[in-house]
C-alpha atoms as a PDB file:
ATOM      1  CA  MET A   1      23.472  -1.919  10.577  1.00  0.00           C
ATOM      2  CA  ALA A   2      23.214  -0.536   7.416  1.00  0.00           C
ATOM      3  CA  THR A   3      20.206   0.885   5.947  1.00  0.00           C
ATOM      4  CA  THR A   4      19.037  -1.124   3.112  1.00  0.00           C
ATOM      5  CA  THR A   5      17.223   0.344   0.378  1.00  0.00           C
ATOM      6  CA  SER A   6      14.486  -2.047  -1.139  1.00  0.00           C
ATOM      7  CA  ILE A   7      12.147  -1.490  -4.587  1.00  0.00           C
ATOM      8  CA  THR A   8       8.966  -2.922  -3.967  1.00  0.00           C
ATOM      9  CA  THR A   9       7.201  -1.094  -6.610  1.00  0.00           C
ATOM     10  CA  THR A  10       6.312  -3.320  -9.965  1.00  0.00           C
ATOM     11  CA  TYR A  11       4.945  -1.244 -12.982  1.00  0.00           C
ATOM     12  CA  ALA A  12       2.745  -3.067 -15.282  1.00  0.00           C
ATOM     13  CA  GLY A  13      -0.462  -2.638 -17.114  1.00  0.00           C
ATOM     14  CA  GLU A  14      -2.303   1.173 -17.748  1.00  0.00           C
ATOM     15  CA  PHE A  15       0.614   3.004 -16.608  1.00  0.00           C
ATOM     16  CA  ALA A  16       3.717   1.042 -17.992  1.00  0.00           C
ATOM     17  CA  GLY A  17       2.219   2.897 -21.207  1.00  0.00           C
ATOM     18  CA  GLU A  18       3.501   6.135 -20.207  1.00  0.00           C
ATOM     19  CA  TYR A  19       6.981   4.600 -19.861  1.00  0.00           C
ATOM     20  CA  ILE A  20       6.682   3.112 -23.106  1.00  0.00           C
ATOM     21  CA  ALA A  21       5.677   6.423 -24.774  1.00  0.00           C
ATOM     22  CA  ALA A  22       8.601   8.178 -23.070  1.00  0.00           C
ATOM     23  CA  ALA A  23      10.986   5.768 -24.536  1.00  0.00           C
ATOM     24  CA  LEU A  24       9.524   5.646 -27.771  1.00  0.00           C
ATOM     25  CA  LEU A  25       8.251   9.311 -28.508  1.00  0.00           C
ATOM     26  CA  GLU A  26      11.423  10.823 -27.633  1.00  0.00           C
ATOM     27  CA  GLY A  27      13.480  10.383 -30.227  1.00  0.00           C
ATOM     28  CA  SER A  28      13.658  13.509 -32.343  1.00  0.00           C
ATOM     29  CA  THR A  29      11.856  12.268 -35.154  1.00  0.00           C
ATOM     30  CA  ILE A  30       8.610  11.468 -33.138  1.00  0.00           C
ATOM     31  CA  SER A  31       9.113  14.074 -30.587  1.00  0.00           C
ATOM     32  CA  ASN A  32       9.180  16.692 -32.935  1.00  0.00           C
ATOM     33  CA  GLY A  33       6.251  15.180 -35.434  1.00  0.00           C
ATOM     34  CA  GLY A  34       8.457  14.448 -38.389  1.00  0.00           C
ATOM     35  CA  ILE A  35       6.482  11.130 -38.977  1.00  0.00           C
ATOM     36  CA  THR A  36       2.864   9.897 -38.730  1.00  0.00           C
ATOM     37  CA  VAL A  37       2.698   7.995 -35.763  1.00  0.00           C
ATOM     38  CA  LYS A  38       0.266   4.891 -36.041  1.00  0.00           C
ATOM     39  CA  PRO A  39      -0.405   3.372 -32.441  1.00  0.00           C
ATOM     40  CA  ASN A  40      -2.362   0.076 -31.588  1.00  0.00           C
ATOM     41  CA  VAL A  41      -0.597  -1.719 -34.295  1.00  0.00           C
ATOM     42  CA  LYS A  42      -0.674  -5.290 -32.870  1.00  0.00           C
ATOM     43  CA  LEU A  43       0.524  -7.473 -35.874  1.00  0.00           C
ATOM     44  CA  LYS A  44       0.168  -5.180 -39.184  1.00  0.00           C
ATOM     45  CA  GLU A  45      -1.478  -2.222 -40.909  1.00  0.00           C
ATOM     46  CA  VAL A  46      -2.379  -2.062 -44.518  1.00  0.00           C
ATOM     47  CA  ILE A  47      -0.911   1.320 -46.153  1.00  0.00           C
ATOM     48  CA  LYS A  48      -3.213   1.684 -49.351  1.00  0.00           C
ATOM     49  CA  LYS A  49      -2.035   3.396 -52.209  1.00  0.00           C
ATOM     50  CA  VAL A  50      -4.225   4.743 -54.985  1.00  0.00           C
ATOM     51  CA  ALA A  51      -2.995   5.546 -58.312  1.00  0.00           C
ATOM     52  CA  THR A  52      -4.631   7.027 -61.240  1.00  0.00           C
ATOM     53  CA  ASP A  53      -4.489   8.209 -64.530  1.00  0.00           C
ATOM     54  CA  ASP A  54      -5.693  11.279 -66.475  1.00  0.00           C
ATOM     55  CA  ILE A  55      -9.004  11.323 -64.954  1.00  0.00           C
ATOM     56  CA  VAL A  56     -10.277  14.537 -66.446  1.00  0.00           C
ATOM     57  CA  LYS A  57     -11.827  13.814 -69.848  1.00  0.00           C
ATOM     58  CA  ASP A  58     -13.942  15.781 -72.497  1.00  0.00           C
ATOM     59  CA  ALA A  59     -17.665  15.627 -71.817  1.00  0.00           C
ATOM     60  CA  THR A  60     -20.000  13.347 -73.287  1.00  0.00           C
ATOM     61  CA  CYS A  61     -23.576  12.393 -72.938  1.00  0.00           C
ATOM     62  CA  ASP A  62     -22.817   8.866 -71.903  1.00  0.00           C
ATOM     63  CA  PHE A  63     -20.937   7.676 -68.724  1.00  0.00           C
ATOM     64  CA  ASP A  64     -17.667   6.490 -70.370  1.00  0.00           C
ATOM     65  CA  ALA A  65     -15.857   4.425 -67.654  1.00  0.00           C
ATOM     66  CA  THR A  66     -12.347   4.822 -69.231  1.00  0.00           C
ATOM     67  CA  SER A  67     -10.288   6.098 -66.343  1.00  0.00           C
ATOM     68  CA  THR A  68      -7.711   3.576 -64.532  1.00  0.00           C
ATOM     69  CA  ILE A  69      -7.793   3.162 -61.020  1.00  0.00           C
ATOM     70  CA  THR A  70      -4.687   1.178 -59.693  1.00  0.00           C
ATOM     71  CA  LEU A  71      -4.854   0.016 -55.947  1.00  0.00           C
ATOM     72  CA  THR A  72      -1.728  -1.338 -54.207  1.00  0.00           C
ATOM     73  CA  GLU A  73      -0.722  -1.708 -50.504  1.00  0.00           C
ATOM     74  CA  ARG A  74       2.241  -1.589 -48.000  1.00  0.00           C
ATOM     75  CA  ILE A  75       2.507  -2.939 -44.936  1.00  0.00           C
ATOM     76  CA  LEU A  76       3.382  -1.855 -41.687  1.00  0.00           C
ATOM     77  CA  ALA A  77       4.499  -4.593 -39.279  1.00  0.00           C
ATOM     78  CA  PRO A  78       6.147  -3.357 -35.854  1.00  0.00           C
ATOM     79  CA  GLU A  79       8.621  -5.752 -34.744  1.00  0.00           C
ATOM     80  CA  GLU A  80       8.246  -6.956 -30.817  1.00  0.00           C
ATOM     81  CA  GLN A  81      11.010  -5.493 -29.129  1.00  0.00           C
ATOM     82  CA  GLN A  82      12.413  -6.057 -25.493  1.00  0.00           C
ATOM     83  CA  VAL A  83      14.959  -4.677 -22.752  1.00  0.00           C
ATOM     84  CA  ASN A  84      16.045  -7.306 -19.921  1.00  0.00           C
ATOM     85  CA  LEU A  85      18.445  -5.368 -17.627  1.00  0.00           C
ATOM     86  CA  GLN A  86      19.997  -6.637 -14.638  1.00  0.00           C
ATOM     87  CA  LEU A  87      22.250  -4.561 -12.044  1.00  0.00           C
ATOM     88  CA  CYS A  88      23.161  -3.959  -8.511  1.00  0.00           C
ATOM     89  CA  LYS A  89      21.649  -1.671  -6.904  1.00  0.00           C
ATOM     90  CA  LYS A  90      24.923  -0.596  -4.544  1.00  0.00           C
ATOM     91  CA  ASP A  91      26.466   0.533  -7.996  1.00  0.00           C
ATOM     92  CA  PHE A  92      23.916   3.112  -8.477  1.00  0.00           C
ATOM     93  CA  ILE A  93      22.201   3.921  -5.145  1.00  0.00           C
ATOM     94  CA  SER A  94      24.476   6.345  -3.668  1.00  0.00           C
ATOM     95  CA  ASP A  95      24.635   8.486  -7.026  1.00  0.00           C
ATOM     96  CA  TRP A  96      20.473   8.562  -6.950  1.00  0.00           C
ATOM     97  CA  GLU A  97      20.669   9.387  -3.168  1.00  0.00           C
ATOM     98  CA  ALA A  98      23.130  12.504  -3.425  1.00  0.00           C
ATOM     99  CA  LEU A  99      21.138  13.911  -6.406  1.00  0.00           C
ATOM    100  CA  SER A 100      17.386  13.348  -4.897  1.00  0.00           C
ATOM    101  CA  MET A 101      18.654  14.958  -1.533  1.00  0.00           C
ATOM    102  CA  GLY A 102      19.728  18.088  -3.417  1.00  0.00           C
ATOM    103  CA  PHE A 103      23.640  17.766  -4.017  1.00  0.00           C
ATOM    104  CA  SER A 104      23.190  18.533  -7.540  1.00  0.00           C
ATOM    105  CA  ALA A 105      21.930  20.986 -10.106  1.00  0.00           C
ATOM    106  CA  HIS A 106      19.341  18.493 -11.020  1.00  0.00           C
ATOM    107  CA  SER A 107      15.802  19.676 -10.004  1.00  0.00           C
ATOM    108  CA  ASN A 108      13.631  16.978 -11.678  1.00  0.00           C
ATOM    109  CA  MET A 109      15.367  14.088 -10.399  1.00  0.00           C
ATOM    110  CA  PRO A 110      12.517  11.088  -9.489  1.00  0.00           C
ATOM    111  CA  SER A 111      12.101  10.916  -5.964  1.00  0.00           C
ATOM    112  CA  LYS A 112      11.799   7.080  -6.245  1.00  0.00           C
ATOM    113  CA  PHE A 113      14.913   4.884  -7.486  1.00  0.00           C
ATOM    114  CA  SER A 114      12.636   2.771  -9.621  1.00  0.00           C
ATOM    115  CA  ASP A 115      11.763   5.850 -11.577  1.00  0.00           C
ATOM    116  CA  PHE A 116      15.392   7.029 -11.939  1.00  0.00           C
ATOM    117  CA  LEU A 117      15.799   3.341 -13.155  1.00  0.00           C
ATOM    118  CA  ILE A 118      13.088   3.459 -15.859  1.00  0.00           C
ATOM    119  CA  ALA A 119      13.993   7.057 -17.174  1.00  0.00           C
ATOM    120  CA  HIS A 120      17.596   6.238 -17.718  1.00  0.00           C
ATOM    121  CA  VAL A 121      16.613   2.951 -19.601  1.00  0.00           C
ATOM    122  CA  ALA A 122      13.502   4.920 -21.530  1.00  0.00           C
ATOM    123  CA  ALA A 123      16.280   7.579 -22.701  1.00  0.00           C
ATOM    124  CA  LYS A 124      18.504   4.329 -24.323  1.00  0.00           C
ATOM    125  CA  VAL A 125      15.470   2.835 -25.877  1.00  0.00           C
ATOM    126  CA  ALA A 126      14.442   6.283 -27.366  1.00  0.00           C
ATOM    127  CA  GLN A 127      17.777   6.565 -28.534  1.00  0.00           C
ATOM    128  CA  ARG A 128      18.094   3.187 -30.369  1.00  0.00           C
ATOM    129  CA  THR A 129      14.466   3.821 -32.020  1.00  0.00           C
ATOM    130  CA  GLU A 130      15.329   7.179 -33.380  1.00  0.00           C
ATOM    131  CA  GLN A 131      18.386   5.180 -34.916  1.00  0.00           C
ATOM    132  CA  SER A 132      16.208   2.217 -36.268  1.00  0.00           C
ATOM    133  CA  ILE A 133      13.455   4.417 -37.878  1.00  0.00           C
ATOM    134  CA  TRP A 134      16.181   5.606 -40.266  1.00  0.00           C
ATOM    135  CA  ALA A 135      19.036   3.551 -40.664  1.00  0.00           C
ATOM    136  CA  GLY A 136      18.038   0.493 -38.520  1.00  0.00           C
ATOM    137  CA  ALA A 137      18.379  -2.993 -40.463  1.00  0.00           C
ATOM    138  CA  THR A 138      16.279  -5.968 -38.744  1.00  0.00           C
ATOM    139  CA  SER A 139      19.477  -8.368 -39.142  1.00  0.00           C
ATOM    140  CA  ASN A 140      20.983  -6.171 -36.347  1.00  0.00           C
ATOM    141  CA  ASN A 141      19.599  -7.496 -32.962  1.00  0.00           C
ATOM    142  CA  GLY A 142      17.317  -5.154 -31.390  1.00  0.00           C
ATOM    143  CA  GLN A 143      16.692  -2.793 -34.433  1.00  0.00           C
ATOM    144  CA  PHE A 144      13.781  -2.891 -37.203  1.00  0.00           C
ATOM    145  CA  ASN A 145      14.188  -2.266 -41.020  1.00  0.00           C
ATOM    146  CA  GLY A 146      14.392   1.742 -41.196  1.00  0.00           C
ATOM    147  CA  LEU A 147      13.466   3.899 -44.004  1.00  0.00           C
ATOM    148  CA  THR A 148      16.902   4.317 -45.836  1.00  0.00           C
ATOM    149  CA  THR A 149      17.207   0.382 -45.587  1.00  0.00           C
ATOM    150  CA  GLN A 150      13.671  -0.128 -47.003  1.00  0.00           C
ATOM    151  CA  ILE A 151      14.070   2.708 -49.435  1.00  0.00           C
ATOM    152  CA  ALA A 152      17.639   1.356 -50.701  1.00  0.00           C
ATOM    153  CA  LEU A 153      15.972  -2.221 -51.778  1.00  0.00           C
ATOM    154  CA  ASP A 154      12.639  -0.362 -53.738  1.00  0.00           C
ATOM    155  CA  ALA A 155      13.187  -0.550 -57.383  1.00  0.00           C
ATOM    156  CA  GLY A 156      10.091   1.656 -57.637  1.00  0.00           C
ATOM    157  CA  LEU A 157      12.068   4.571 -56.688  1.00  0.00           C
ATOM    158  CA  PRO A 158      12.890   7.063 -59.529  1.00  0.00           C
ATOM    159  CA  ALA A 159      16.549   7.136 -60.842  1.00  0.00           C
ATOM    160  CA  ALA A 160      16.356  11.284 -61.149  1.00  0.00           C
ATOM    161  CA  GLN A 161      14.789  11.345 -57.334  1.00  0.00           C
ATOM    162  CA  GLU A 162      17.950   9.485 -56.211  1.00  0.00           C
ATOM    163  CA  ILE A 163      20.845  11.882 -55.468  1.00  0.00           C
ATOM    164  CA  ALA A 164      24.222  10.294 -55.860  1.00  0.00           C
ATOM    165  CA  ALA A 165      26.304  10.299 -52.247  1.00  0.00           C
ATOM    166  CA  GLY A 166      28.617  13.058 -51.248  1.00  0.00           C
ATOM    167  CA  ALA A 167      30.293  14.567 -48.305  1.00  0.00           C
ATOM    168  CA  VAL A 168      28.579  17.628 -47.356  1.00  0.00           C
ATOM    169  CA  THR A 169      30.498  20.638 -46.095  1.00  0.00           C
ATOM    170  CA  SER A 170      29.409  24.288 -45.596  1.00  0.00           C
ATOM    171  CA  SER A 171      31.553  25.433 -48.911  1.00  0.00           C
ATOM    172  CA  ASN A 172      29.001  23.038 -50.927  1.00  0.00           C
ATOM    173  CA  VAL A 173      26.024  22.604 -48.582  1.00  0.00           C
ATOM    174  CA  ILE A 174      23.916  25.001 -50.559  1.00  0.00           C
ATOM    175  CA  THR A 175      24.687  23.187 -53.940  1.00  0.00           C
ATOM    176  CA  LYS A 176      23.582  20.147 -52.194  1.00  0.00           C
ATOM    177  CA  LEU A 177      20.612  20.987 -51.073  1.00  0.00           C
ATOM    178  CA  GLY A 178      19.692  22.447 -54.074  1.00  0.00           C
ATOM    179  CA  SER A 179      20.080  19.099 -56.048  1.00  0.00           C
ATOM    180  CA  ILE A 180      17.655  17.791 -53.559  1.00  0.00           C
ATOM    181  CA  VAL A 181      14.971  20.293 -53.906  1.00  0.00           C
ATOM    182  CA  ASP A 182      15.297  20.348 -58.123  1.00  0.00           C
ATOM    183  CA  ALA A 183      14.736  16.548 -57.833  1.00  0.00           C
ATOM    184  CA  ILE A 184      11.339  17.015 -55.801  1.00  0.00           C
ATOM    185  CA  PRO A 185       8.314  16.419 -58.216  1.00  0.00           C
ATOM    186  CA  SER A 186       6.328  19.628 -59.154  1.00  0.00           C
ATOM    187  CA  LYS A 187       3.269  17.817 -57.388  1.00  0.00           C
ATOM    188  CA  LEU A 188       5.231  17.949 -54.009  1.00  0.00           C
ATOM    189  CA  TYR A 189       6.922  21.138 -54.122  1.00  0.00           C
ATOM    190  CA  GLY A 190       4.856  23.617 -52.045  1.00  0.00           C
ATOM    191  CA  SER A 191       3.115  20.909 -49.752  1.00  0.00           C
ATOM    192  CA  GLU A 192       2.613  22.038 -46.293  1.00  0.00           C
ATOM    193  CA  ASP A 193       4.225  18.704 -44.551  1.00  0.00           C
ATOM    194  CA  LEU A 194       6.908  18.199 -46.860  1.00  0.00           C
ATOM    195  CA  ASN A 195      10.078  18.086 -45.250  1.00  0.00           C
ATOM    196  CA  ILE A 196      13.862  17.448 -46.159  1.00  0.00           C
ATOM    197  CA  TYR A 197      14.906  15.254 -43.673  1.00  0.00           C
ATOM    198  CA  VAL A 198      19.055  15.710 -42.928  1.00  0.00           C
ATOM    199  CA  SER A 199      21.536  14.413 -40.958  1.00  0.00           C
ATOM    200  CA  GLN A 200      23.079  16.467 -38.339  1.00  0.00           C
ATOM    201  CA  ASN A 201      26.273  17.209 -40.193  1.00  0.00           C
ATOM    202  CA  ILE A 202      24.153  18.819 -43.347  1.00  0.00           C
ATOM    203  CA  ALA A 203      22.502  20.546 -40.810  1.00  0.00           C
ATOM    204  CA  ARG A 204      25.573  21.702 -38.890  1.00  0.00           C
ATOM    205  CA  SER A 205      26.912  22.822 -42.121  1.00  0.00           C
ATOM    206  CA  TYR A 206      23.565  24.473 -43.308  1.00  0.00           C
ATOM    207  CA  VAL A 207      24.033  26.972 -40.399  1.00  0.00           C
ATOM    208  CA  ARG A 208      27.531  27.754 -40.697  1.00  0.00           C
ATOM    209  CA  ALA A 209      27.290  28.349 -44.362  1.00  0.00           C
ATOM    210  CA  LEU A 210      24.581  31.056 -43.660  1.00  0.00           C
ATOM    211  CA  GLY A 211      26.831  32.436 -40.871  1.00  0.00           C
ATOM    212  CA  GLY A 212      28.931  33.923 -43.605  1.00  0.00           C
ATOM    213  CA  PHE A 213      31.056  33.571 -46.531  1.00  0.00           C
ATOM    214  CA  GLY A 214      31.271  34.989 -50.040  1.00  0.00           C
ATOM    215  CA  ALA A 215      29.678  32.361 -52.187  1.00  0.00           C
ATOM    216  CA  SER A 216      26.011  31.635 -53.134  1.00  0.00           C
ATOM    217  CA  GLY A 217      25.385  35.265 -52.712  1.00  0.00           C
ATOM    218  CA  LEU A 218      25.846  35.560 -49.135  1.00  0.00           C
ATOM    219  CA  GLY A 219      27.859  38.043 -47.683  1.00  0.00           C
ATOM    220  CA  ALA A 220      30.639  37.617 -45.395  1.00  0.00           C
ATOM    221  CA  ALA A 221      28.369  38.582 -42.722  1.00  0.00           C
ATOM    222  CA  GLY A 222      25.760  36.014 -42.958  1.00  0.00           C
ATOM    223  CA  THR A 223      22.231  36.076 -42.237  1.00  0.00           C
ATOM    224  CA  ASN A 224      20.930  39.231 -40.902  1.00  0.00           C
ATOM    225  CA  ALA A 225      24.808  40.208 -40.744  1.00  0.00           C
ATOM    226  CA  GLN A 226      24.921  38.409 -37.664  1.00  0.00           C
ATOM    227  CA  GLY A 227      27.521  35.864 -38.498  1.00  0.00           C
ATOM    228  CA  THR A 228      27.936  32.662 -36.881  1.00  0.00           C
ATOM    229  CA  GLN A 229      25.528  33.681 -33.790  1.00  0.00           C
ATOM    230  CA  TRP A 230      22.606  34.272 -36.379  1.00  0.00           C
ATOM    231  CA  TRP A 231      21.098  30.896 -35.220  1.00  0.00           C
ATOM    232  CA  ASN A 232      19.568  30.020 -32.240  1.00  0.00           C
ATOM    233  CA  ASN A 233      17.947  26.625 -32.713  1.00  0.00           C
ATOM    234  CA  GLY A 234      15.185  27.869 -34.496  1.00  0.00           C
ATOM    235  CA  SER A 235      13.519  26.400 -37.680  1.00  0.00           C
ATOM    236  CA  LEU A 236      15.391  25.665 -40.759  1.00  0.00           C
ATOM    237  CA  SER A 237      14.174  25.908 -44.205  1.00  0.00           C
ATOM    238  CA  PHE A 238      16.065  25.924 -47.769  1.00  0.00           C
ATOM    239  CA  ASP A 239      13.979  27.334 -51.057  1.00  0.00           C
ATOM    240  CA  GLY A 240      10.676  27.142 -49.263  1.00  0.00           C
ATOM    241  CA  VAL A 241      11.128  23.584 -47.901  1.00  0.00           C
ATOM    242  CA  SER A 242      11.088  23.054 -44.324  1.00  0.00           C
ATOM    243  CA  LEU A 243      14.402  21.290 -42.888  1.00  0.00           C
ATOM    244  CA  PHE A 244      14.230  18.617 -40.176  1.00  0.00           C
ATOM    245  CA  VAL A 245      17.198  17.384 -38.606  1.00  0.00           C
ATOM    246  CA  ALA A 246      16.558  13.738 -38.033  1.00  0.00           C
ATOM    247  CA  ASN A 247      19.276  12.517 -35.626  1.00  0.00           C
ATOM    248  CA  GLY A 248      18.972   8.827 -36.985  1.00  0.00           C
ATOM    249  CA  LEU A 249      20.048   9.693 -40.340  1.00  0.00           C
ATOM    250  CA  ALA A 250      23.874   8.771 -41.030  1.00  0.00           C
ATOM    251  CA  ASP A 251      25.956  11.507 -42.270  1.00  0.00           C
ATOM    252  CA  ASN A 252      25.897  13.135 -45.932  1.00  0.00           C
ATOM    253  CA  THR A 253      22.383  11.532 -46.050  1.00  0.00           C
ATOM    254  CA  ALA A 254      18.695  13.236 -46.197  1.00  0.00           C
ATOM    255  CA  VAL A 255      15.428  12.247 -47.648  1.00  0.00           C
ATOM    256  CA  ALA A 256      12.661  14.736 -48.772  1.00  0.00           C
ATOM    257  CA  ALA A 257       9.192  13.424 -48.102  1.00  0.00           C
ATOM    258  CA  GLU A 258       5.959  14.828 -46.758  1.00  0.00           C
ATOM    259  CA  LYS A 259       5.321  13.442 -43.307  1.00  0.00           C
ATOM    260  CA  SER A 260       2.238  12.346 -44.314  1.00  0.00           C
ATOM    261  CA  ASN A 261       3.655   9.753 -46.342  1.00  0.00           C
ATOM    262  CA  ILE A 262       6.189   8.241 -43.897  1.00  0.00           C
ATOM    263  CA  PHE A 263       4.887   6.287 -40.877  1.00  0.00           C
ATOM    264  CA  PHE A 264       5.806   4.946 -37.354  1.00  0.00           C
ATOM    265  CA  GLY A 265       3.641   1.817 -36.035  1.00  0.00           C
ATOM    266  CA  THR A 266       3.843   0.520 -32.611  1.00  0.00           C
ATOM    267  CA  GLY A 267       1.848  -1.350 -30.404  1.00  0.00           C
ATOM    268  CA  LEU A 268       2.045   1.482 -27.592  1.00  0.00           C
ATOM    269  CA  LEU A 269      -1.431   1.227 -26.287  1.00  0.00           C
ATOM    270  CA  SER A 270      -1.910  -2.165 -26.903  1.00  0.00           C
ATOM    271  CA  ASP A 271      -1.345  -5.301 -24.222  1.00  0.00           C
ATOM    272  CA  HIS A 272       2.097  -6.315 -25.502  1.00  0.00           C
ATOM    273  CA  ASN A 273       3.277  -3.290 -23.845  1.00  0.00           C
ATOM    274  CA  GLU A 274       4.869  -4.042 -20.210  1.00  0.00           C
ATOM    275  CA  VAL A 275       7.569  -2.179 -17.986  1.00  0.00           C
ATOM    276  CA  LYS A 276       8.646  -3.358 -15.011  1.00  0.00           C
ATOM    277  CA  VAL A 277      11.052  -2.865 -12.293  1.00  0.00           C
ATOM    278  CA  ILE A 278      11.695  -6.128 -10.050  1.00  0.00           C
ATOM    279  CA  ASP A 279      13.817  -6.111  -7.128  1.00  0.00           C
ATOM    280  CA  MET A 280      15.440  -9.524  -6.642  1.00  0.00           C
ATOM    281  CA  ALA A 281      16.104  -9.219  -2.767  1.00  0.00           C
ATOM    282  CA  ASP A 282      13.129 -10.993  -1.925  1.00  0.00           C
ATOM    283  CA  LEU A 283      13.324 -13.410  -4.538  1.00  0.00           C
ATOM    284  CA  ASP A 284      17.052 -14.799  -4.264  1.00  0.00           C
ATOM    285  CA  GLY A 285      18.236 -12.352  -1.323  1.00  0.00           C
ATOM    286  CA  SER A 286      20.668 -10.756  -3.924  1.00  0.00           C
ATOM    287  CA  GLN A 287      20.983  -6.824  -4.664  1.00  0.00           C
ATOM    288  CA  ASN A 288      20.009  -7.326  -8.009  1.00  0.00           C
ATOM    289  CA  VAL A 289      17.598  -5.090 -10.152  1.00  0.00           C
ATOM    290  CA  ARG A 290      16.130  -6.330 -13.355  1.00  0.00           C
ATOM    291  CA  VAL A 291      14.141  -4.034 -15.875  1.00  0.00           C
ATOM    292  CA  VAL A 292      11.828  -5.581 -18.372  1.00  0.00           C
ATOM    293  CA  MET A 293      10.282  -3.477 -20.920  1.00  0.00           C
ATOM    294  CA  ARG A 294       8.493  -5.056 -23.792  1.00  0.00           C
ATOM    295  CA  PHE A 295       7.080  -2.991 -26.949  1.00  0.00           C
ATOM    296  CA  SER A 296       6.827  -3.178 -30.663  1.00  0.00           C
ATOM    297  CA  ALA A 297       8.029  -0.598 -33.349  1.00  0.00           C
ATOM    298  CA  GLY A 298       8.504  -0.543 -37.127  1.00  0.00           C
ATOM    299  CA  VAL A 299       8.543   2.130 -40.033  1.00  0.00           C
ATOM    300  CA  GLN A 300       6.817   2.422 -43.687  1.00  0.00           C
ATOM    301  CA  TYR A 301       6.408   4.937 -46.528  1.00  0.00           C
ATOM    302  CA  GLY A 302       3.566   5.010 -48.665  1.00  0.00           C
ATOM    303  CA  ILE A 303       4.260   6.102 -52.325  1.00  0.00           C
ATOM    304  CA  VAL A 304       7.796   5.697 -53.092  1.00  0.00           C
ATOM    305  CA  GLU A 305       7.887   7.996 -56.359  1.00  0.00           C
ATOM    306  CA  ASP A 306       7.130  10.996 -53.743  1.00  0.00           C
ATOM    307  CA  ILE A 307      10.507  10.759 -52.068  1.00  0.00           C
ATOM    308  CA  VAL A 308      13.713  11.991 -53.023  1.00  0.00           C
ATOM    309  CA  THR A 309      17.099  10.640 -51.574  1.00  0.00           C
ATOM    310  CA  TYR A 310      20.678  11.905 -51.019  1.00  0.00           C
ATOM    311  CA  GLY A 311      23.389   9.407 -50.435  1.00  0.00           C
ATOM    312  CA  ILE A 312      21.077   6.515 -50.167  1.00  0.00           C
ATOM    313  CA  THR A 313      22.623   3.906 -52.821  1.00  0.00           C
ATOM    314  CA  ASN A 314      19.525   2.136 -54.450  1.00  0.00           C
ATOM    315  CA  SER A 315      20.441  -1.426 -55.667  1.00  0.00           C
ATOM    316  CA  ALA A 316      17.761  -1.405 -58.086  1.00  0.00           C
ATOM    317  CA  ASN A 317      18.636   1.631 -59.696  1.00  0.00           C
END
């Protein structure tokens, strides 16, 4: 009789948070520190915005409260999401056993089949979360409204800070990035946490451009005369502003903003989280395994006037 592999472990409670963390925090925007993370947001969190007029006045002998302070707010409200997955053990167990027994170059294969399943699902959740952070729409099942979705509906974005869309290539990327930097408000330029968040195709075009061509003052041999070999996955910057490759951004889109002005909220450490791997063999005699994950996620920005966009159509402008 063939040996039957049965999963008897169920993960829930405190340990579950580790898997939720892996799922939510492995998207490039979060794991690479490109956004301010607010955990333990069970329902919503209010982001206060303070605006003042010219508060410095000519001195007098009296107290004259003539300045104006305006308090407004934005709401960060993570949406609850879930993974309900059912699969047959026999479709996966042979691959897992081969890898875990050493017949592969993968040396970090988990020793338990349940860990293998959770790691696989967590990677998929991370990918989905990264996409939602930037371009998600709550009308799509399994997504929440992303930053570009919200900005596109915000009438407060100055028209001068909305750069028109256009395909970005290695021959025009210098000009395109320059237009973004030129639109950054003077009060933001030089901020230590200011980034230009760019899509992958813009980043690739910029790397290739710096690899060498005759335009924009660059020689044919490119940066450090190394041609297309100059870059080794290091940091990128343009005109003194850091470039952050946001994998969730759609092609030919970019957002310039301070990290401290954009927020990712989740109930990561709250009671809403649970991760379970349930072997159905003892319940219904089947070879099915169910993976259940529950979590919450959402994004918000603070001050839209401190944001510059490229290729994001604002219906209010």
